[in-house]
């Protein structure tokens, strides 16, 4: 299970999550960051570090934020 960055990051883009990620799985994408599910090791460091509280474990993303799971997958599909 990977983590997902949701709407609270859009337009804010504080980089605390990027700085603490031990595997560099967080990438910038336009107006927010995205977490590569293939690289994420599920350590949770990004979730704790996020000042916007925008990061959730994939199975804990609130219903109103579910679209960000799809956006994250689309960002990393080549």
Protein backbone atom coordinates (compact mmCIF):
# COMPACT_ATOMS: atom_id res chain seq x y z
CA UNK A 1 0.00 0.00 0.00
CA UNK A 2 1.40 3.38 -0.98
CA UNK A 3 0.56 6.83 0.28
CA UNK A 4 -1.45 9.40 -1.69
CA UNK A 5 -1.21 13.19 -1.63
CA UNK A 6 -4.61 14.88 -1.76
CA UNK A 7 -6.20 18.28 -2.44
CA UNK A 8 -4.68 20.11 0.50
CA UNK A 9 -1.35 20.01 -1.33
CA UNK A 10 -2.69 21.54 -4.54
CA UNK A 11 -1.25 25.02 -4.86
CA UNK A 12 0.62 24.80 -1.54
CA UNK A 13 3.46 22.42 -2.36
CA UNK A 14 5.30 22.58 0.93
CA UNK A 15 8.26 20.27 0.46
CA UNK A 16 8.64 18.78 3.92
CA UNK A 17 7.42 15.43 2.59
CA UNK A 18 10.04 15.42 -0.15
CA UNK A 19 12.81 16.20 2.33
CA UNK A 20 11.99 13.28 4.65
CA UNK A 21 11.33 10.57 2.06
CA UNK A 22 14.14 7.99 2.36
CA UNK A 23 13.57 6.59 -1.16
CA UNK A 24 12.84 9.79 -3.11
CA UNK A 25 9.45 8.58 -4.33
CA UNK A 26 7.76 12.01 -4.23
CA UNK A 27 7.79 13.95 -7.47
CA UNK A 28 6.62 17.42 -8.39
CA UNK A 29 3.76 17.58 -10.87
CA UNK A 30 2.44 20.97 -11.84
CA UNK A 31 0.69 22.42 -8.80
CA UNK A 32 1.19 19.52 -6.34
CA UNK A 33 3.36 16.53 -5.47
CA UNK A 34 2.70 12.87 -6.24
CA UNK A 35 3.97 9.66 -4.62
CA UNK A 36 5.24 6.88 -6.90
CA UNK A 37 3.48 3.73 -5.63
CA UNK A 38 6.15 1.51 -7.21
CA UNK A 39 8.92 3.18 -5.18
CA UNK A 40 7.11 4.02 -1.92
CA UNK A 41 8.17 1.75 0.95
CA UNK A 42 5.18 2.69 3.14
CA UNK A 43 7.32 4.13 5.92
CA UNK A 44 4.86 6.95 6.65
CA UNK A 45 7.54 9.62 7.08
CA UNK A 46 5.85 11.87 4.51
CA UNK A 47 2.45 11.61 6.21
CA UNK A 48 3.87 12.75 9.55
CA UNK A 49 5.93 15.56 8.00
CA UNK A 50 3.15 17.10 5.88
CA UNK A 51 2.09 20.44 7.43
CA UNK A 52 -1.06 20.48 5.28
CA UNK A 53 -2.14 17.00 6.45
CA UNK A 54 -2.65 16.13 2.79
CA UNK A 55 -1.10 12.65 2.79
CA UNK A 56 -3.00 9.44 3.53
CA UNK A 57 -2.36 5.73 3.25
CA UNK A 58 -4.14 4.66 0.06
CA UNK A 59 -6.79 2.67 1.91
CA UNK A 60 -7.48 5.60 4.26
CA UNK A 61 -8.06 8.36 1.69
CA UNK A 62 -11.37 10.08 2.57
CA UNK A 63 -14.23 9.50 0.15
CA UNK A 64 -14.22 13.12 -0.98
CA UNK A 65 -10.50 12.79 -1.89
CA UNK A 66 -10.70 9.47 -3.78
CA UNK A 67 -10.12 11.17 -7.14
CA UNK A 68 -6.52 11.80 -6.04
CA UNK A 69 -5.82 8.05 -6.05
CA UNK A 70 -6.68 8.05 -9.75
CA UNK A 71 -4.70 11.25 -10.42
CA UNK A 72 -1.68 9.74 -8.69
CA UNK A 73 -1.87 6.54 -10.75
CA UNK A 74 -2.28 8.56 -13.96
CA UNK A 75 0.73 10.73 -13.12
CA UNK A 76 2.98 7.67 -12.95
CA UNK A 77 1.57 5.70 -15.89
CA UNK A 78 3.82 5.99 -18.91
